[in-house]
Structure formats: structure tokens, C-alpha cells
N, C-alpha and C. Protein backbone atom coordinates (compact mmCIF):
# COMPACT_ATOMS: atom_id res chain seq x y z
N MET A 1 -16.87 -16.47 0.40
CA MET A 1 -16.39 -15.60 1.47
C MET A 1 -17.61 -15.09 2.23
N SER A 2 -17.48 -14.98 3.53
CA SER A 2 -18.60 -14.60 4.35
C SER A 2 -18.97 -13.11 4.18
N GLU A 3 -20.25 -12.84 4.40
CA GLU A 3 -20.71 -11.48 4.29
C GLU A 3 -20.10 -10.58 5.35
N THR A 4 -19.83 -11.14 6.53
CA THR A 4 -19.20 -10.36 7.59
C THR A 4 -17.82 -9.88 7.19
N ARG A 5 -17.04 -10.79 6.57
CA ARG A 5 -15.69 -10.42 6.14
C ARG A 5 -15.76 -9.32 5.07
N MET A 6 -16.75 -9.45 4.17
CA MET A 6 -16.88 -8.45 3.13
C MET A 6 -17.23 -7.07 3.74
N ASP A 7 -18.09 -7.09 4.77
CA ASP A 7 -18.47 -5.89 5.47
C ASP A 7 -17.26 -5.28 6.17
N GLN A 8 -16.37 -6.10 6.71
CA GLN A 8 -15.16 -5.61 7.38
C GLN A 8 -14.24 -4.98 6.32
N TYR A 9 -14.14 -5.56 5.14
CA TYR A 9 -13.33 -4.94 4.10
C TYR A 9 -13.89 -3.61 3.66
N SER A 10 -15.22 -3.57 3.53
CA SER A 10 -15.88 -2.32 3.14
C SER A 10 -15.65 -1.27 4.19
N LEU A 11 -15.84 -1.66 5.48
CA LEU A 11 -15.64 -0.72 6.57
C LEU A 11 -14.19 -0.21 6.59
N ALA A 12 -13.24 -1.15 6.44
CA ALA A 12 -11.83 -0.78 6.44
C ALA A 12 -11.51 0.18 5.26
N GLY A 13 -12.14 -0.08 4.12
CA GLY A 13 -11.94 0.78 2.96
C GLY A 13 -12.39 2.23 3.23
N TRP A 14 -13.60 2.33 3.77
CA TRP A 14 -14.12 3.67 4.06
C TRP A 14 -13.32 4.36 5.19
N LEU A 15 -12.96 3.57 6.18
CA LEU A 15 -12.18 4.13 7.30
C LEU A 15 -10.78 4.63 6.79
N ALA A 16 -10.20 3.93 5.87
CA ALA A 16 -8.92 4.35 5.30
C ALA A 16 -9.10 5.70 4.64
N ILE A 17 -10.14 5.87 3.87
CA ILE A 17 -10.39 7.13 3.19
C ILE A 17 -10.71 8.21 4.19
N ILE A 18 -11.49 7.90 5.22
CA ILE A 18 -11.83 8.89 6.28
C ILE A 18 -10.53 9.29 7.02
N SER A 19 -9.66 8.30 7.29
CA SER A 19 -8.39 8.59 7.94
C SER A 19 -7.56 9.56 7.10
N ALA A 20 -7.52 9.34 5.79
CA ALA A 20 -6.77 10.22 4.92
C ALA A 20 -7.37 11.68 4.98
N ILE A 21 -8.70 11.74 5.02
CA ILE A 21 -9.33 13.04 5.09
C ILE A 21 -9.04 13.70 6.45
N LEU A 22 -9.08 12.94 7.54
CA LEU A 22 -8.76 13.48 8.87
C LEU A 22 -7.31 13.93 9.00
N LEU A 23 -6.44 13.31 8.22
CA LEU A 23 -5.04 13.65 8.28
C LEU A 23 -4.78 15.09 7.91
N VAL A 24 -5.58 15.64 7.01
CA VAL A 24 -5.37 17.00 6.53
C VAL A 24 -5.62 18.01 7.65
N PRO A 25 -6.77 17.98 8.35
CA PRO A 25 -6.92 18.94 9.47
C PRO A 25 -5.99 18.63 10.63
N GLU A 26 -5.66 17.37 10.81
CA GLU A 26 -4.77 16.97 11.93
C GLU A 26 -3.39 17.66 11.69
N ILE A 27 -2.82 17.59 10.50
CA ILE A 27 -1.55 18.20 10.20
C ILE A 27 -1.69 19.70 10.24
N GLY A 28 -2.74 20.24 9.58
CA GLY A 28 -2.92 21.69 9.55
C GLY A 28 -3.08 22.29 10.92
N LEU A 29 -3.89 21.69 11.79
CA LEU A 29 -4.10 22.22 13.13
C LEU A 29 -2.82 22.09 13.98
N ALA A 30 -2.10 20.96 13.79
CA ALA A 30 -0.89 20.77 14.58
C ALA A 30 0.12 21.86 14.24
N VAL A 31 0.26 22.15 12.96
CA VAL A 31 1.19 23.22 12.53
C VAL A 31 0.71 24.56 13.01
N LEU A 32 -0.55 24.84 12.84
CA LEU A 32 -1.12 26.13 13.23
C LEU A 32 -0.97 26.34 14.73
N PHE A 33 -1.39 25.39 15.52
CA PHE A 33 -1.32 25.56 16.98
C PHE A 33 0.12 25.48 17.49
N GLY A 34 0.99 24.69 16.81
CA GLY A 34 2.36 24.61 17.19
C GLY A 34 3.08 25.92 17.11
N PHE A 35 2.76 26.72 16.08
CA PHE A 35 3.47 27.99 15.88
C PHE A 35 2.72 29.19 16.48
N ILE A 36 1.41 29.16 16.36
CA ILE A 36 0.63 30.34 16.74
C ILE A 36 0.11 30.27 18.15
N ALA A 37 -0.48 29.13 18.56
CA ALA A 37 -1.07 28.99 19.88
C ALA A 37 -0.78 27.63 20.46
N PRO A 38 0.45 27.45 20.95
CA PRO A 38 0.84 26.08 21.44
C PRO A 38 -0.09 25.49 22.47
N GLY A 39 -0.75 26.28 23.27
CA GLY A 39 -1.65 25.76 24.30
C GLY A 39 -2.87 25.10 23.69
N LEU A 40 -3.23 25.43 22.46
CA LEU A 40 -4.45 24.87 21.85
C LEU A 40 -4.19 23.53 21.14
N ASP A 41 -2.94 23.09 21.17
CA ASP A 41 -2.65 21.80 20.45
C ASP A 41 -3.38 20.64 21.11
N ILE A 42 -3.98 20.84 22.25
CA ILE A 42 -4.80 19.77 22.89
C ILE A 42 -5.92 19.36 21.99
N PHE A 43 -6.43 20.27 21.11
CA PHE A 43 -7.53 19.96 20.22
C PHE A 43 -7.13 19.04 19.09
N VAL A 44 -5.83 18.92 18.85
CA VAL A 44 -5.34 18.01 17.79
C VAL A 44 -5.23 16.60 18.32
N VAL A 45 -4.97 16.42 19.55
CA VAL A 45 -4.70 15.10 20.11
C VAL A 45 -5.86 14.15 19.89
N PRO A 46 -7.18 14.56 20.15
CA PRO A 46 -8.27 13.62 19.88
C PRO A 46 -8.34 13.15 18.42
N ILE A 47 -8.09 14.06 17.48
CA ILE A 47 -8.07 13.63 16.07
C ILE A 47 -6.94 12.65 15.84
N HIS A 48 -5.81 12.92 16.44
CA HIS A 48 -4.64 12.03 16.31
C HIS A 48 -4.98 10.64 16.86
N ILE A 49 -5.61 10.59 18.01
CA ILE A 49 -5.98 9.32 18.63
C ILE A 49 -6.94 8.56 17.79
N VAL A 50 -7.97 9.24 17.25
CA VAL A 50 -8.94 8.59 16.37
C VAL A 50 -8.24 8.01 15.15
N ASN A 51 -7.31 8.77 14.57
CA ASN A 51 -6.59 8.33 13.37
C ASN A 51 -5.74 7.09 13.73
N LEU A 52 -5.13 7.09 14.91
CA LEU A 52 -4.30 5.95 15.29
C LEU A 52 -5.16 4.68 15.48
N VAL A 53 -6.32 4.82 16.10
CA VAL A 53 -7.22 3.66 16.28
C VAL A 53 -7.65 3.15 14.91
N ILE A 54 -8.03 4.05 14.01
CA ILE A 54 -8.42 3.64 12.66
C ILE A 54 -7.24 2.93 11.99
N GLY A 55 -6.04 3.47 12.14
CA GLY A 55 -4.85 2.90 11.52
C GLY A 55 -4.59 1.47 12.00
N ILE A 56 -4.77 1.24 13.29
CA ILE A 56 -4.57 -0.09 13.85
C ILE A 56 -5.57 -1.08 13.24
N TYR A 57 -6.82 -0.66 13.16
CA TYR A 57 -7.87 -1.49 12.60
C TYR A 57 -7.57 -1.82 11.12
N ILE A 58 -7.19 -0.79 10.37
CA ILE A 58 -6.88 -0.97 8.94
C ILE A 58 -5.74 -1.97 8.74
N LEU A 59 -4.68 -1.82 9.53
CA LEU A 59 -3.54 -2.74 9.42
C LEU A 59 -3.97 -4.17 9.74
N TYR A 60 -4.79 -4.33 10.77
CA TYR A 60 -5.24 -5.66 11.13
C TYR A 60 -6.07 -6.29 10.00
N ILE A 61 -7.00 -5.57 9.47
CA ILE A 61 -7.86 -6.06 8.38
C ILE A 61 -7.00 -6.29 7.12
N PHE A 62 -5.99 -5.44 6.87
CA PHE A 62 -5.14 -5.60 5.69
C PHE A 62 -4.36 -6.91 5.81
N ARG A 63 -3.85 -7.21 7.02
CA ARG A 63 -3.13 -8.47 7.19
C ARG A 63 -4.10 -9.62 6.93
N ARG A 64 -5.32 -9.54 7.43
CA ARG A 64 -6.30 -10.58 7.19
C ARG A 64 -6.59 -10.73 5.68
N LEU A 65 -6.72 -9.65 4.99
CA LEU A 65 -6.96 -9.68 3.57
C LEU A 65 -5.83 -10.36 2.83
N LEU A 66 -4.59 -9.96 3.15
CA LEU A 66 -3.44 -10.56 2.48
C LEU A 66 -3.34 -12.07 2.79
N ASN A 67 -3.65 -12.45 4.00
CA ASN A 67 -3.57 -13.83 4.41
C ASN A 67 -4.67 -14.69 3.77
N GLN A 68 -5.92 -14.24 3.91
CA GLN A 68 -7.05 -15.07 3.52
C GLN A 68 -7.40 -14.98 2.03
N GLN A 69 -7.29 -13.83 1.46
CA GLN A 69 -7.63 -13.67 0.01
C GLN A 69 -6.50 -14.08 -0.90
N PHE A 70 -5.27 -13.78 -0.46
CA PHE A 70 -4.13 -13.94 -1.37
C PHE A 70 -3.11 -14.97 -0.88
N GLY A 71 -3.32 -15.53 0.30
CA GLY A 71 -2.40 -16.52 0.84
C GLY A 71 -1.02 -15.98 1.04
N PHE A 72 -0.92 -14.67 1.31
CA PHE A 72 0.36 -13.95 1.46
C PHE A 72 0.64 -13.69 2.94
N HIS A 73 1.67 -14.26 3.45
CA HIS A 73 1.99 -14.16 4.90
C HIS A 73 3.31 -13.46 5.17
N ALA A 74 4.02 -13.04 4.12
CA ALA A 74 5.35 -12.47 4.28
C ALA A 74 5.37 -11.15 5.09
N THR A 75 4.22 -10.46 5.15
CA THR A 75 4.20 -9.19 5.87
C THR A 75 3.60 -9.31 7.27
N ASN A 76 3.22 -10.53 7.71
CA ASN A 76 2.58 -10.72 8.98
C ASN A 76 3.34 -10.10 10.16
N ILE A 77 4.60 -10.42 10.25
CA ILE A 77 5.42 -9.89 11.38
C ILE A 77 5.51 -8.38 11.28
N LEU A 78 5.78 -7.89 10.10
CA LEU A 78 5.91 -6.42 9.89
C LEU A 78 4.62 -5.71 10.28
N ILE A 79 3.49 -6.26 9.83
CA ILE A 79 2.21 -5.63 10.18
C ILE A 79 1.98 -5.67 11.68
N THR A 80 2.32 -6.79 12.31
CA THR A 80 2.16 -6.88 13.76
C THR A 80 3.02 -5.84 14.48
N VAL A 81 4.25 -5.68 14.02
CA VAL A 81 5.12 -4.64 14.65
C VAL A 81 4.57 -3.26 14.36
N LEU A 82 4.10 -3.00 13.14
CA LEU A 82 3.49 -1.67 12.84
C LEU A 82 2.28 -1.43 13.72
N ILE A 83 1.47 -2.46 13.98
CA ILE A 83 0.31 -2.32 14.89
C ILE A 83 0.80 -1.97 16.29
N LEU A 84 1.83 -2.70 16.77
CA LEU A 84 2.35 -2.42 18.09
C LEU A 84 2.89 -0.99 18.22
N VAL A 85 3.61 -0.55 17.22
CA VAL A 85 4.13 0.80 17.23
C VAL A 85 2.98 1.81 17.23
N ASN A 86 1.95 1.52 16.47
CA ASN A 86 0.76 2.41 16.47
C ASN A 86 0.13 2.42 17.87
N ILE A 87 0.09 1.29 18.55
CA ILE A 87 -0.44 1.22 19.90
C ILE A 87 0.41 2.10 20.84
N VAL A 88 1.72 2.03 20.69
CA VAL A 88 2.61 2.90 21.49
C VAL A 88 2.28 4.37 21.22
N PHE A 89 2.17 4.73 19.95
CA PHE A 89 1.79 6.13 19.59
C PHE A 89 0.43 6.47 20.22
N PHE A 90 -0.51 5.54 20.21
CA PHE A 90 -1.85 5.77 20.80
C PHE A 90 -1.71 6.07 22.29
N VAL A 91 -0.89 5.24 22.99
CA VAL A 91 -0.70 5.47 24.45
C VAL A 91 0.01 6.80 24.69
N ILE A 92 0.99 7.14 23.89
CA ILE A 92 1.66 8.45 24.02
C ILE A 92 0.64 9.58 23.84
N GLY A 93 -0.25 9.40 22.82
CA GLY A 93 -1.28 10.41 22.57
C GLY A 93 -2.24 10.55 23.77
N LEU A 94 -2.62 9.42 24.36
CA LEU A 94 -3.51 9.47 25.54
C LEU A 94 -2.79 10.16 26.72
N ILE A 95 -1.51 9.84 26.93
CA ILE A 95 -0.79 10.48 28.03
C ILE A 95 -0.63 11.99 27.76
N GLU A 96 -0.35 12.30 26.50
CA GLU A 96 -0.22 13.73 26.14
C GLU A 96 -1.54 14.47 26.35
N LEU A 97 -2.66 13.84 25.99
CA LEU A 97 -3.95 14.46 26.22
C LEU A 97 -4.19 14.67 27.71
N SER A 98 -3.84 13.65 28.50
CA SER A 98 -4.03 13.77 29.98
C SER A 98 -3.15 14.87 30.53
N VAL A 99 -1.90 14.95 30.07
CA VAL A 99 -0.98 15.98 30.55
C VAL A 99 -1.54 17.34 30.20
N ASN A 100 -2.04 17.52 29.01
CA ASN A 100 -2.60 18.82 28.59
C ASN A 100 -3.86 19.14 29.40
N MET A 101 -4.69 18.15 29.69
CA MET A 101 -5.94 18.44 30.36
C MET A 101 -5.74 18.82 31.84
N ILE A 102 -4.74 18.17 32.49
CA ILE A 102 -4.55 18.48 33.88
C ILE A 102 -3.49 19.56 34.07
N GLY A 103 -2.89 20.02 32.97
CA GLY A 103 -1.99 21.17 33.04
C GLY A 103 -0.65 20.88 33.68
N LEU A 104 -0.07 19.69 33.41
CA LEU A 104 1.25 19.40 33.97
C LEU A 104 2.33 20.20 33.26
N ASP A 105 3.48 20.07 33.78
CA ASP A 105 4.66 20.79 33.32
C ASP A 105 4.88 20.63 31.80
N GLN A 106 5.31 21.70 31.16
CA GLN A 106 5.64 21.69 29.74
C GLN A 106 6.75 20.73 29.43
N VAL A 107 7.64 20.49 30.38
CA VAL A 107 8.75 19.56 30.15
C VAL A 107 8.25 18.14 29.87
N VAL A 108 7.20 17.73 30.60
CA VAL A 108 6.58 16.41 30.39
C VAL A 108 6.04 16.33 28.98
N GLU A 109 5.37 17.33 28.55
CA GLU A 109 4.78 17.37 27.20
C GLU A 109 5.90 17.33 26.14
N ARG A 110 6.94 18.10 26.34
CA ARG A 110 8.08 18.07 25.39
C ARG A 110 8.75 16.71 25.33
N ASN A 111 8.88 16.05 26.50
CA ASN A 111 9.50 14.74 26.50
C ASN A 111 8.66 13.72 25.78
N LEU A 112 7.34 13.78 25.93
CA LEU A 112 6.45 12.92 25.18
C LEU A 112 6.57 13.13 23.69
N SER A 113 6.64 14.39 23.29
CA SER A 113 6.80 14.70 21.86
C SER A 113 8.12 14.19 21.35
N LEU A 114 9.19 14.30 22.16
CA LEU A 114 10.51 13.80 21.79
C LEU A 114 10.47 12.28 21.62
N ILE A 115 9.86 11.59 22.54
CA ILE A 115 9.73 10.11 22.43
C ILE A 115 9.01 9.75 21.14
N ALA A 116 7.91 10.44 20.83
CA ALA A 116 7.18 10.15 19.58
C ALA A 116 8.05 10.42 18.38
N MET A 117 8.81 11.52 18.38
CA MET A 117 9.69 11.80 17.25
C MET A 117 10.77 10.76 17.10
N ILE A 118 11.34 10.28 18.22
CA ILE A 118 12.39 9.27 18.12
C ILE A 118 11.80 7.95 17.59
N LEU A 119 10.59 7.59 17.99
CA LEU A 119 9.93 6.38 17.48
C LEU A 119 9.55 6.50 16.03
N PHE A 120 9.34 7.72 15.55
CA PHE A 120 8.90 7.95 14.18
C PHE A 120 9.91 7.44 13.15
N VAL A 121 11.21 7.57 13.44
CA VAL A 121 12.23 7.14 12.48
C VAL A 121 12.22 5.64 12.30
N PRO A 122 12.23 4.82 13.39
CA PRO A 122 12.14 3.38 13.16
C PRO A 122 10.82 2.94 12.55
N PHE A 123 9.74 3.64 12.90
CA PHE A 123 8.43 3.39 12.32
C PHE A 123 8.50 3.60 10.78
N SER A 124 9.17 4.68 10.39
CA SER A 124 9.34 4.98 8.98
C SER A 124 10.17 3.89 8.27
N LEU A 125 11.23 3.43 8.93
CA LEU A 125 12.05 2.37 8.35
C LEU A 125 11.23 1.08 8.19
N LEU A 126 10.40 0.78 9.18
CA LEU A 126 9.53 -0.41 9.08
C LEU A 126 8.54 -0.28 7.94
N THR A 127 8.09 0.96 7.73
CA THR A 127 7.15 1.21 6.60
C THR A 127 7.83 0.93 5.29
N ILE A 128 9.08 1.34 5.16
CA ILE A 128 9.86 1.07 3.92
C ILE A 128 9.92 -0.45 3.71
N VAL A 129 10.34 -1.17 4.74
CA VAL A 129 10.48 -2.64 4.62
C VAL A 129 9.13 -3.28 4.27
N PHE A 130 8.06 -2.81 4.91
CA PHE A 130 6.72 -3.32 4.61
C PHE A 130 6.41 -3.15 3.12
N GLY A 131 6.65 -1.96 2.60
CA GLY A 131 6.39 -1.70 1.17
C GLY A 131 7.20 -2.57 0.26
N VAL A 132 8.48 -2.77 0.60
CA VAL A 132 9.37 -3.59 -0.22
C VAL A 132 8.87 -5.09 -0.20
N VAL A 133 8.57 -5.60 0.97
CA VAL A 133 8.12 -6.99 1.07
C VAL A 133 6.78 -7.16 0.38
N LEU A 134 5.90 -6.15 0.48
CA LEU A 134 4.58 -6.24 -0.15
C LEU A 134 4.70 -6.38 -1.66
N LEU A 135 5.77 -5.85 -2.27
CA LEU A 135 5.98 -5.99 -3.70
C LEU A 135 6.16 -7.45 -4.14
N LYS A 136 6.43 -8.36 -3.20
CA LYS A 136 6.60 -9.78 -3.52
C LYS A 136 5.23 -10.48 -3.71
N LEU A 137 4.18 -9.82 -3.39
CA LEU A 137 2.83 -10.39 -3.56
C LEU A 137 2.60 -10.70 -5.04
N GLN A 138 2.09 -11.92 -5.32
CA GLN A 138 1.89 -12.35 -6.69
C GLN A 138 0.69 -11.67 -7.35
N ASP A 139 -0.29 -11.22 -6.60
CA ASP A 139 -1.45 -10.57 -7.13
C ASP A 139 -1.12 -9.05 -7.28
N ASP A 140 -1.77 -8.39 -8.21
CA ASP A 140 -1.49 -6.93 -8.40
C ASP A 140 -2.46 -6.02 -7.62
N LEU A 141 -3.30 -6.63 -6.75
CA LEU A 141 -4.26 -5.87 -5.94
C LEU A 141 -5.08 -4.92 -6.80
N PHE A 142 -5.64 -5.44 -7.89
CA PHE A 142 -6.48 -4.66 -8.77
C PHE A 142 -5.73 -3.49 -9.42
N GLY A 143 -4.45 -3.71 -9.73
CA GLY A 143 -3.65 -2.68 -10.37
C GLY A 143 -3.08 -1.68 -9.38
N LEU A 144 -3.32 -1.88 -8.06
CA LEU A 144 -2.86 -0.90 -7.09
C LEU A 144 -1.67 -1.35 -6.23
N LEU A 145 -1.15 -2.58 -6.45
CA LEU A 145 -0.06 -3.09 -5.66
C LEU A 145 1.17 -2.15 -5.77
N LYS A 146 1.65 -1.98 -7.02
CA LYS A 146 2.86 -1.16 -7.18
C LYS A 146 2.67 0.27 -6.75
N PRO A 147 1.57 0.94 -7.16
CA PRO A 147 1.42 2.32 -6.70
C PRO A 147 1.30 2.44 -5.16
N TYR A 148 0.56 1.48 -4.55
CA TYR A 148 0.44 1.49 -3.11
C TYR A 148 1.78 1.25 -2.43
N ALA A 149 2.48 0.19 -2.88
CA ALA A 149 3.75 -0.19 -2.24
C ALA A 149 4.80 0.93 -2.41
N TYR A 150 4.90 1.52 -3.61
CA TYR A 150 5.91 2.55 -3.86
C TYR A 150 5.54 3.83 -3.08
N THR A 151 4.29 4.15 -2.98
CA THR A 151 3.86 5.32 -2.19
C THR A 151 4.15 5.09 -0.70
N THR A 152 3.93 3.85 -0.23
CA THR A 152 4.24 3.51 1.14
C THR A 152 5.75 3.63 1.37
N ILE A 153 6.52 3.10 0.48
CA ILE A 153 8.01 3.20 0.60
C ILE A 153 8.40 4.65 0.59
N GLY A 154 7.82 5.46 -0.30
CA GLY A 154 8.15 6.90 -0.34
C GLY A 154 7.84 7.61 0.92
N SER A 155 6.68 7.26 1.51
CA SER A 155 6.32 7.93 2.81
C SER A 155 7.32 7.54 3.87
N GLY A 156 7.75 6.30 3.86
CA GLY A 156 8.73 5.86 4.86
C GLY A 156 10.10 6.51 4.68
N VAL A 157 10.52 6.64 3.41
CA VAL A 157 11.81 7.29 3.15
C VAL A 157 11.75 8.76 3.62
N CYS A 158 10.70 9.43 3.26
CA CYS A 158 10.55 10.84 3.68
C CYS A 158 10.48 10.98 5.22
N GLY A 159 9.75 10.08 5.85
CA GLY A 159 9.63 10.11 7.30
C GLY A 159 10.97 9.85 7.98
N ALA A 160 11.72 8.90 7.42
CA ALA A 160 13.03 8.55 8.02
C ALA A 160 14.03 9.70 7.94
N THR A 161 13.88 10.56 6.94
CA THR A 161 14.78 11.69 6.83
C THR A 161 14.45 12.80 7.82
N VAL A 162 13.28 12.76 8.38
CA VAL A 162 12.74 13.72 9.32
C VAL A 162 12.48 15.09 8.64
N ILE A 163 13.42 15.58 7.88
CA ILE A 163 13.28 16.86 7.20
C ILE A 163 12.15 16.82 6.18
N LEU A 164 12.06 15.67 5.51
CA LEU A 164 11.01 15.50 4.48
C LEU A 164 9.74 14.85 5.02
N ALA A 165 9.61 14.80 6.32
CA ALA A 165 8.45 14.16 6.94
C ALA A 165 7.13 14.75 6.45
N PRO A 166 7.03 16.09 6.26
CA PRO A 166 5.73 16.60 5.74
C PRO A 166 5.35 16.02 4.40
N ILE A 167 6.34 15.81 3.51
CA ILE A 167 6.10 15.21 2.22
C ILE A 167 5.69 13.73 2.42
N GLY A 168 6.34 13.10 3.40
CA GLY A 168 5.98 11.73 3.72
C GLY A 168 4.58 11.59 4.25
N LEU A 169 4.09 12.57 4.99
CA LEU A 169 2.71 12.56 5.45
C LEU A 169 1.74 12.66 4.27
N LEU A 170 2.09 13.48 3.28
CA LEU A 170 1.25 13.57 2.09
C LEU A 170 1.25 12.24 1.32
N ALA A 171 2.41 11.59 1.24
CA ALA A 171 2.49 10.29 0.58
C ALA A 171 1.68 9.26 1.34
N ALA A 172 1.74 9.32 2.69
CA ALA A 172 0.92 8.42 3.51
C ALA A 172 -0.57 8.64 3.27
N LEU A 173 -0.93 9.88 3.11
CA LEU A 173 -2.35 10.19 2.82
C LEU A 173 -2.75 9.52 1.51
N VAL A 174 -1.94 9.63 0.49
CA VAL A 174 -2.26 9.01 -0.81
C VAL A 174 -2.31 7.48 -0.67
N ALA A 175 -1.35 6.91 0.12
CA ALA A 175 -1.34 5.48 0.34
C ALA A 175 -2.58 4.99 1.04
N LEU A 176 -3.05 5.79 2.00
CA LEU A 176 -4.29 5.44 2.70
C LEU A 176 -5.49 5.37 1.76
N VAL A 177 -5.57 6.35 0.87
CA VAL A 177 -6.67 6.33 -0.09
C VAL A 177 -6.57 5.12 -1.00
N MET A 178 -5.35 4.78 -1.46
CA MET A 178 -5.16 3.58 -2.29
C MET A 178 -5.52 2.31 -1.54
N GLN A 179 -5.14 2.27 -0.26
CA GLN A 179 -5.46 1.12 0.53
C GLN A 179 -6.98 0.97 0.69
N GLY A 180 -7.65 2.07 0.89
CA GLY A 180 -9.11 2.08 0.97
C GLY A 180 -9.71 1.53 -0.34
N MET A 181 -9.15 1.99 -1.46
CA MET A 181 -9.65 1.50 -2.75
C MET A 181 -9.41 0.01 -2.94
N ILE A 182 -8.28 -0.48 -2.40
CA ILE A 182 -8.03 -1.95 -2.48
C ILE A 182 -9.12 -2.70 -1.76
N PHE A 183 -9.42 -2.27 -0.52
CA PHE A 183 -10.47 -2.92 0.28
C PHE A 183 -11.82 -2.87 -0.45
N LEU A 184 -12.15 -1.74 -0.97
CA LEU A 184 -13.46 -1.59 -1.62
C LEU A 184 -13.53 -2.40 -2.91
N ARG A 185 -12.40 -2.53 -3.62
CA ARG A 185 -12.37 -3.33 -4.84
C ARG A 185 -12.48 -4.81 -4.54
N VAL A 186 -11.90 -5.24 -3.43
CA VAL A 186 -12.04 -6.66 -3.05
C VAL A 186 -13.50 -6.96 -2.82
N LYS A 187 -14.16 -6.09 -2.09
CA LYS A 187 -15.61 -6.30 -1.83
C LYS A 187 -16.40 -6.33 -3.13
N ARG A 188 -16.11 -5.39 -4.02
CA ARG A 188 -16.84 -5.32 -5.27
C ARG A 188 -16.56 -6.56 -6.14
N GLU A 189 -15.32 -6.97 -6.22
CA GLU A 189 -14.96 -8.15 -7.05
C GLU A 189 -15.65 -9.41 -6.57
N VAL A 190 -15.71 -9.61 -5.25
CA VAL A 190 -16.35 -10.77 -4.67
C VAL A 190 -17.85 -10.72 -4.93
N GLU A 191 -18.41 -9.54 -4.85
CA GLU A 191 -19.86 -9.42 -5.12
C GLU A 191 -20.21 -9.73 -6.56
N ILE A 192 -19.31 -9.38 -7.48
CA ILE A 192 -19.52 -9.67 -8.94
C ILE A 192 -19.47 -11.18 -9.17
N LEU A 193 -18.53 -11.86 -8.47
CA LEU A 193 -18.40 -13.34 -8.63
C LEU A 193 -19.58 -13.97 -7.96
């Protein structure tokens, strides 16, 4: 396996862990500003955009890992759709940032938030399907396949209910850390061989 690919797995692993770490202040600030100082929520949008870009990269590299290392292609379409949905969320985040910066009507901002919330339910359902299909992988991903897949499914179930979405975000945080560990273990295993 090429050194470049190993570096990409290592980068994706660390980015997944960084994304999980960024998720904590992103959620905390969104809640804080949402209730206490709604006008300051503009400061959350850049963190959200960075996390979305990282998420797109991680999904892309994860698809490559599953395809090239394990010959597993069953999740390709699902990962592509998840990437596309993340791109839509990214665009909504950019528009929301622009709306906040130029001070447009609050109705525009609320409509953008509503669109994002409506998209969150199908995104959560796709996440559930992704986790279920991933369980068909013949390799155990260094003992992390089942914990990662079940945590991913759990985050999707919680997100789809909307009411349990905060718990789903915590599950997604744990899944990100596990995904990061999978990437880092692939790199380490190949270096040992």
C-alpha cells in the first residue's frame, strides 16, 4: 500500500477525532447562543462548516478504505448520498453565515434552520441504513466494526426521533472517535506488516 494512502488514513483518523472534539463546543455554543443570545449564533456557523468539511473528507476516505482494503462496496451509494447531504448542509451553513453577516431578515434565517431540520431526519435514516449495511462487512475492523456500526445506528435512531437528537449527537461523537481509531489502526497494522 502506498505511503500517500497511509498518510490519508492517518490524517482522516486524526480529523475524525478533532471533529468529535469540535462537536462539543459546537453543540454547547449553539445551545447557549440559541437560548441566551440568539444574535451570537453566527460564531457557531464557522465551527459547523469546518466540521462538515471534515465530515465529507472522512466519509470519502472511509469509502476508499472499505473499497481498497476490504473489497467492500455495499456502502458506496450510501456514503455518496451521505456526502451529498453533507454538502447540502455545508451550503446551508454558508448561506446562513452570509445571512447573519449581512443582517438579513430573521425569517430567512429561520427558514434555513427549518430546511436543515427537515433534512436531518432523512439524513438520520440514511445513517441507520449505513450502519446496518456496514455490519455485512466480513472484517471486524480491528474489533471496532460492531461497536462503530451499532453506535452509528443508535445516533441515526436518536436523530430520526428529533426529540432524542441530543443523545444522537453524543452517539455520533463516540462513532467519530471509533472511526478515527479504525483509520489509525489500519495505518499501524500496515506499518507492522
